[in-house]
Structure formats: C-alpha cells, structure tokens
Amino acid sequence: MAMNLRRGLFRVWVLITIAWFVAVGAFAYSTLQHRPNRMPVATRIMSGDKPVVEMLCSEARGKLGTDFSTSDTGVPGPWDDYTKLNVGTRCYYLMPAYRATYPEYASLSDDQLFGDYGLLSGVSVNPWPVIWRILVVGVSGSLALLLVGWLVLWAGAGFAKPRQPPPA
C-alpha cells in the first residue's frame, strides 16, 4: 500500500485546525464572559478604602504622573514617566484629584456621580470588534499552518525524481 503524504498531512492539518478552533473558542468564551455588559467611561473602583475613578487616558485632564496614574490604585508614581499611552489605555484618578481636576463635578456626591443613572455610569459596549479579532486569530492561524505545509510539500516535490512515462 503506497502512502499518500499529501492526503495524510492534510488530515493532520484538519485535526490540528479543529484543536486550534476549540482552543481559540475556549479562550474567546472566557474573554467574552468576563467582559462587562457596560464599559464605563469613568467608573468607581474601590482600591482599599480610597475611591478611584477610571477613564480613558485620551479623555483625562491634568498631567500623567501628577494628577492621575496608569496604575489601578490611582496613586501616581515614577512608572507613569515611562508609560506609552496607546489608544484605549486606562488612567486612574484618586477621588480628591478627580474633584480638583473636574471642578464641574466637585459639588456632586459620589452617588450622584457613580449611581446607576449617574453621570459616569457608563455606555453600552459593542462586542463585535472583540469577536472579529478572535475570528481573525482563529482563521489566520489555521490558514498559516496550511500555507506552511503546502510550501514544504511544494519544496519537497522539487527534489523528487521525475516520473517516467509508462512504456507504450
């Protein structure tokens, strides 16, 4: 019985692709399950007994490392001097620094700021960008493996003996 290397490797690729999709699916499921239904523009986080306000750094006022921090404790530190602010980076204010930087909210109570219908209660989140990113990772990984396997077989075929036509 002659071995068909291409068919065998294709079957191995199918099995690896199925395992890859299961792994990516499990990761995606856990990622989407732990993603909140509402992503706050600025939310209250309890860091010990100090209330902290979280927001996108692109919307933050003041100076990084002085008024707010990239650490979720809200305490500015030397690490803020070396932080590269990318799109979507979160910054954190301690409540006194937040009230000083945002005087329009200084007279409001915490409940008015952070209640269910408060000013900083949040906006709905669109899950599709995350889902598309996961799909791209899942499909591109398996297609990359197929392409590498095909290229290896193609290169190996270059070393094969030329086939002789059957005698007439």
C-alpha atoms as a PDB file:
ATOM      1  CA  MET A   1       0.000   0.000   0.000  1.00  0.00           C
ATOM      2  CA  ALA A   2       1.537   3.266  -1.119  1.00  0.00           C
ATOM      3  CA  MET A   3       1.479   6.145   1.312  1.00  0.00           C
ATOM      4  CA  ASN A   4      -0.122   9.373   0.121  1.00  0.00           C
ATOM      5  CA  LEU A   5       1.835  12.028   2.003  1.00  0.00           C
ATOM      6  CA  ARG A   6      -0.319  14.941   0.858  1.00  0.00           C
ATOM      7  CA  ARG A   7      -3.569  13.320   1.947  1.00  0.00           C
ATOM      8  CA  GLY A   8      -2.070  12.307   5.300  1.00  0.00           C
ATOM      9  CA  LEU A   9      -0.698  15.767   6.025  1.00  0.00           C
ATOM     10  CA  PHE A  10      -3.998  17.352   5.004  1.00  0.00           C
ATOM     11  CA  ARG A  11      -5.797  15.134   7.527  1.00  0.00           C
ATOM     12  CA  VAL A  12      -3.271  16.105  10.206  1.00  0.00           C
ATOM     13  CA  TRP A  13      -3.893  19.766   9.333  1.00  0.00           C
ATOM     14  CA  VAL A  14      -7.665  19.246   9.683  1.00  0.00           C
ATOM     15  CA  LEU A  15      -7.173  17.716  13.151  1.00  0.00           C
ATOM     16  CA  ILE A  16      -4.803  20.488  14.263  1.00  0.00           C
ATOM     17  CA  THR A  17      -7.228  23.117  12.911  1.00  0.00           C
ATOM     18  CA  ILE A  18     -10.108  21.605  14.873  1.00  0.00           C
ATOM     19  CA  ALA A  19      -7.976  21.609  18.040  1.00  0.00           C
ATOM     20  CA  TRP A  20      -6.925  25.222  17.305  1.00  0.00           C
ATOM     21  CA  PHE A  21     -10.550  26.337  16.873  1.00  0.00           C
ATOM     22  CA  VAL A  22     -11.505  24.623  20.139  1.00  0.00           C
ATOM     23  CA  ALA A  23      -8.641  26.378  21.967  1.00  0.00           C
ATOM     24  CA  VAL A  24      -9.432  29.792  20.440  1.00  0.00           C
ATOM     25  CA  GLY A  25     -13.136  29.243  21.133  1.00  0.00           C
ATOM     26  CA  ALA A  26     -12.472  28.408  24.790  1.00  0.00           C
ATOM     27  CA  PHE A  27     -10.290  31.487  25.156  1.00  0.00           C
ATOM     28  CA  ALA A  28     -12.859  33.658  23.386  1.00  0.00           C
ATOM     29  CA  TYR A  29     -15.695  32.326  25.507  1.00  0.00           C
ATOM     30  CA  SER A  30     -13.867  33.071  28.751  1.00  0.00           C
ATOM     31  CA  THR A  31     -12.851  36.514  27.452  1.00  0.00           C
ATOM     32  CA  LEU A  32     -16.381  37.450  26.422  1.00  0.00           C
ATOM     33  CA  GLN A  33     -17.915  36.013  29.614  1.00  0.00           C
ATOM     34  CA  HIS A  34     -15.702  38.194  31.813  1.00  0.00           C
ATOM     35  CA  ARG A  35     -16.319  41.277  29.698  1.00  0.00           C
ATOM     36  CA  PRO A  36     -18.828  43.564  31.393  1.00  0.00           C
ATOM     37  CA  ASN A  37     -22.068  44.358  29.628  1.00  0.00           C
ATOM     38  CA  ARG A  38     -21.432  48.031  30.218  1.00  0.00           C
ATOM     39  CA  MET A  39     -17.983  49.533  29.856  1.00  0.00           C
ATOM     40  CA  PRO A  40     -17.729  52.705  31.915  1.00  0.00           C
ATOM     41  CA  VAL A  41     -16.226  55.826  30.501  1.00  0.00           C
ATOM     42  CA  ALA A  42     -15.325  56.550  34.088  1.00  0.00           C
ATOM     43  CA  THR A  43     -16.203  54.152  36.888  1.00  0.00           C
ATOM     44  CA  ARG A  44     -15.642  53.925  40.565  1.00  0.00           C
ATOM     45  CA  ILE A  45     -13.204  51.274  41.696  1.00  0.00           C
ATOM     46  CA  MET A  46     -12.566  50.588  45.327  1.00  0.00           C
ATOM     47  CA  SER A  47      -8.842  50.412  45.908  1.00  0.00           C
ATOM     48  CA  GLY A  48      -8.597  49.681  49.586  1.00  0.00           C
ATOM     49  CA  ASP A  49     -10.745  52.404  51.131  1.00  0.00           C
ATOM     50  CA  LYS A  50      -9.812  55.025  48.527  1.00  0.00           C
ATOM     51  CA  PRO A  51     -12.348  55.584  45.743  1.00  0.00           C
ATOM     52  CA  VAL A  52     -10.705  55.663  42.330  1.00  0.00           C
ATOM     53  CA  VAL A  53     -12.083  56.963  39.033  1.00  0.00           C
ATOM     54  CA  GLU A  54     -11.132  55.067  35.873  1.00  0.00           C
ATOM     55  CA  MET A  55     -11.287  56.600  32.401  1.00  0.00           C
ATOM     56  CA  LEU A  56      -9.594  56.531  29.037  1.00  0.00           C
ATOM     57  CA  CYS A  57      -6.311  58.433  29.137  1.00  0.00           C
ATOM     58  CA  SER A  58      -7.313  60.252  25.953  1.00  0.00           C
ATOM     59  CA  GLU A  59     -10.177  61.855  27.918  1.00  0.00           C
ATOM     60  CA  ALA A  60      -8.188  62.577  31.080  1.00  0.00           C
ATOM     61  CA  ARG A  61      -7.324  66.096  32.181  1.00  0.00           C
ATOM     62  CA  GLY A  62      -4.200  67.123  34.001  1.00  0.00           C
ATOM     63  CA  LYS A  63      -0.702  65.694  33.938  1.00  0.00           C
ATOM     64  CA  LEU A  64       0.084  61.984  33.917  1.00  0.00           C
ATOM     65  CA  GLY A  65       2.101  61.095  36.998  1.00  0.00           C
ATOM     66  CA  THR A  66       0.856  64.131  38.930  1.00  0.00           C
ATOM     67  CA  ASP A  67      -2.929  64.282  38.667  1.00  0.00           C
ATOM     68  CA  PHE A  68      -3.634  60.736  37.516  1.00  0.00           C
ATOM     69  CA  SER A  69      -1.859  57.423  37.040  1.00  0.00           C
ATOM     70  CA  THR A  70      -1.871  54.337  34.845  1.00  0.00           C
ATOM     71  CA  SER A  71      -1.798  52.182  37.986  1.00  0.00           C
ATOM     72  CA  ASP A  72      -5.240  50.957  39.054  1.00  0.00           C
ATOM     73  CA  THR A  73      -4.522  52.140  42.597  1.00  0.00           C
ATOM     74  CA  GLY A  74      -4.771  55.713  41.318  1.00  0.00           C
ATOM     75  CA  VAL A  75      -1.538  56.666  43.050  1.00  0.00           C
ATOM     76  CA  PRO A  76       0.834  58.430  40.628  1.00  0.00           C
ATOM     77  CA  GLY A  77       4.381  57.120  40.593  1.00  0.00           C
ATOM     78  CA  PRO A  78       7.636  57.048  38.640  1.00  0.00           C
ATOM     79  CA  TRP A  79       6.305  54.303  36.332  1.00  0.00           C
ATOM     80  CA  ASP A  80       3.996  56.895  34.791  1.00  0.00           C
ATOM     81  CA  ASP A  81       7.010  58.725  33.330  1.00  0.00           C
ATOM     82  CA  TYR A  82       7.805  55.679  31.174  1.00  0.00           C
ATOM     83  CA  THR A  83       4.281  54.718  30.175  1.00  0.00           C
ATOM     84  CA  LYS A  84       3.430  54.843  26.488  1.00  0.00           C
ATOM     85  CA  LEU A  85      -0.203  55.866  26.143  1.00  0.00           C
ATOM     86  CA  ASN A  86      -1.819  53.796  23.413  1.00  0.00           C
ATOM     87  CA  VAL A  87      -5.396  54.053  22.204  1.00  0.00           C
ATOM     88  CA  GLY A  88      -7.615  52.574  24.886  1.00  0.00           C
ATOM     89  CA  THR A  89      -5.109  52.928  27.742  1.00  0.00           C
ATOM     90  CA  ARG A  90      -6.922  53.362  31.057  1.00  0.00           C
ATOM     91  CA  CYS A  91      -5.955  56.043  33.580  1.00  0.00           C
ATOM     92  CA  TYR A  92      -6.995  56.340  37.223  1.00  0.00           C
ATOM     93  CA  TYR A  93      -7.642  59.329  39.499  1.00  0.00           C
ATOM     94  CA  LEU A  94      -7.893  59.294  43.269  1.00  0.00           C
ATOM     95  CA  MET A  95     -11.201  60.953  44.172  1.00  0.00           C
ATOM     96  CA  PRO A  96      -9.696  64.197  45.599  1.00  0.00           C
ATOM     97  CA  ALA A  97      -7.544  64.646  42.466  1.00  0.00           C
ATOM     98  CA  TYR A  98     -10.562  63.914  40.259  1.00  0.00           C
ATOM     99  CA  ARG A  99     -12.701  66.509  42.010  1.00  0.00           C
ATOM    100  CA  ALA A 100      -9.875  69.080  41.753  1.00  0.00           C
ATOM    101  CA  THR A 101      -9.297  68.377  38.051  1.00  0.00           C
ATOM    102  CA  TYR A 102     -13.013  68.270  37.177  1.00  0.00           C
ATOM    103  CA  PRO A 103     -14.495  71.193  39.171  1.00  0.00           C
ATOM    104  CA  GLU A 104     -17.864  70.805  37.430  1.00  0.00           C
ATOM    105  CA  TYR A 105     -18.343  67.561  39.406  1.00  0.00           C
ATOM    106  CA  ALA A 106     -16.918  68.810  42.725  1.00  0.00           C
ATOM    107  CA  SER A 107     -20.317  69.655  44.216  1.00  0.00           C
ATOM    108  CA  LEU A 108     -21.908  66.281  43.367  1.00  0.00           C
ATOM    109  CA  SER A 109     -21.944  63.372  45.793  1.00  0.00           C
ATOM    110  CA  ASP A 110     -20.372  60.012  44.942  1.00  0.00           C
ATOM    111  CA  ASP A 111     -23.831  58.514  44.468  1.00  0.00           C
ATOM    112  CA  GLN A 112     -24.747  61.240  42.003  1.00  0.00           C
ATOM    113  CA  LEU A 113     -21.522  60.622  40.100  1.00  0.00           C
ATOM    114  CA  PHE A 114     -21.495  56.835  40.118  1.00  0.00           C
ATOM    115  CA  GLY A 115     -25.063  55.708  40.677  1.00  0.00           C
ATOM    116  CA  ASP A 116     -26.905  53.518  38.190  1.00  0.00           C
ATOM    117  CA  TYR A 117     -28.047  56.597  36.294  1.00  0.00           C
ATOM    118  CA  GLY A 118     -25.250  58.917  37.353  1.00  0.00           C
ATOM    119  CA  LEU A 119     -23.074  60.992  35.073  1.00  0.00           C
ATOM    120  CA  LEU A 120     -20.294  58.407  34.965  1.00  0.00           C
ATOM    121  CA  SER A 121     -22.414  55.233  34.946  1.00  0.00           C
ATOM    122  CA  GLY A 122     -21.263  54.102  31.514  1.00  0.00           C
ATOM    123  CA  VAL A 123     -22.157  53.481  27.926  1.00  0.00           C
ATOM    124  CA  SER A 124     -23.030  50.244  26.187  1.00  0.00           C
ATOM    125  CA  VAL A 125     -20.235  48.193  24.713  1.00  0.00           C
ATOM    126  CA  ASN A 126     -20.146  46.777  21.215  1.00  0.00           C
ATOM    127  CA  PRO A 127     -18.719  43.214  21.431  1.00  0.00           C
ATOM    128  CA  TRP A 128     -18.178  42.832  17.664  1.00  0.00           C
ATOM    129  CA  PRO A 129     -14.633  44.267  17.492  1.00  0.00           C
ATOM    130  CA  VAL A 130     -13.515  41.655  20.025  1.00  0.00           C
ATOM    131  CA  ILE A 131     -15.364  38.877  18.202  1.00  0.00           C
ATOM    132  CA  TRP A 132     -13.841  39.883  14.842  1.00  0.00           C
ATOM    133  CA  ARG A 133     -10.352  39.969  16.365  1.00  0.00           C
ATOM    134  CA  ILE A 134     -10.842  36.461  17.764  1.00  0.00           C
ATOM    135  CA  LEU A 135     -12.128  35.187  14.398  1.00  0.00           C
ATOM    136  CA  VAL A 136      -9.141  36.676  12.586  1.00  0.00           C
ATOM    137  CA  VAL A 137      -6.737  34.988  15.014  1.00  0.00           C
ATOM    138  CA  GLY A 138      -8.567  31.674  14.695  1.00  0.00           C
ATOM    139  CA  VAL A 139      -8.749  31.617  10.908  1.00  0.00           C
ATOM    140  CA  SER A 140      -5.339  33.149  10.214  1.00  0.00           C
ATOM    141  CA  GLY A 141      -3.573  30.627  12.462  1.00  0.00           C
ATOM    142  CA  SER A 142      -5.019  27.632  10.652  1.00  0.00           C
ATOM    143  CA  LEU A 143      -4.507  29.160   7.198  1.00  0.00           C
ATOM    144  CA  ALA A 144      -0.896  29.999   8.053  1.00  0.00           C
ATOM    145  CA  LEU A 145      -0.300  26.379   9.058  1.00  0.00           C
ATOM    146  CA  LEU A 146      -1.899  25.164   5.799  1.00  0.00           C
ATOM    147  CA  LEU A 147       0.267  27.550   3.774  1.00  0.00           C
ATOM    148  CA  VAL A 148       3.469  26.445   5.532  1.00  0.00           C
ATOM    149  CA  GLY A 149       2.582  22.780   4.981  1.00  0.00           C
ATOM    150  CA  TRP A 150       1.802  23.376   1.319  1.00  0.00           C
ATOM    151  CA  LEU A 151       5.100  25.250   0.837  1.00  0.00           C
ATOM    152  CA  VAL A 152       7.059  22.414   2.493  1.00  0.00           C
ATOM    153  CA  LEU A 153       5.397  19.852   0.212  1.00  0.00           C
ATOM    154  CA  TRP A 154       5.972  22.065  -2.823  1.00  0.00           C
ATOM    155  CA  ALA A 155       9.658  22.457  -1.936  1.00  0.00           C
ATOM    156  CA  GLY A 156       9.961  18.712  -1.285  1.00  0.00           C
ATOM    157  CA  ALA A 157       8.389  17.927  -4.654  1.00  0.00           C
ATOM    158  CA  GLY A 158      11.276  19.773  -6.280  1.00  0.00           C
ATOM    159  CA  PHE A 159      13.644  17.055  -5.022  1.00  0.00           C
ATOM    160  CA  ALA A 160      11.541  14.146  -6.305  1.00  0.00           C
ATOM    161  CA  LYS A 161      12.703  12.031  -9.208  1.00  0.00           C
ATOM    162  CA  PRO A 162      10.942  12.917 -12.442  1.00  0.00           C
ATOM    163  CA  ARG A 163       8.270  10.394 -13.307  1.00  0.00           C
ATOM    164  CA  GLN A 164       8.925   8.243 -16.336  1.00  0.00           C
ATOM    165  CA  PRO A 165       6.020   7.838 -18.699  1.00  0.00           C
ATOM    166  CA  PRO A 166       4.861   4.233 -18.914  1.00  0.00           C
ATOM    167  CA  PRO A 167       6.320   2.334 -21.857  1.00  0.00           C
ATOM    168  CA  ALA A 168       3.990   2.250 -24.806  1.00  0.00           C
END
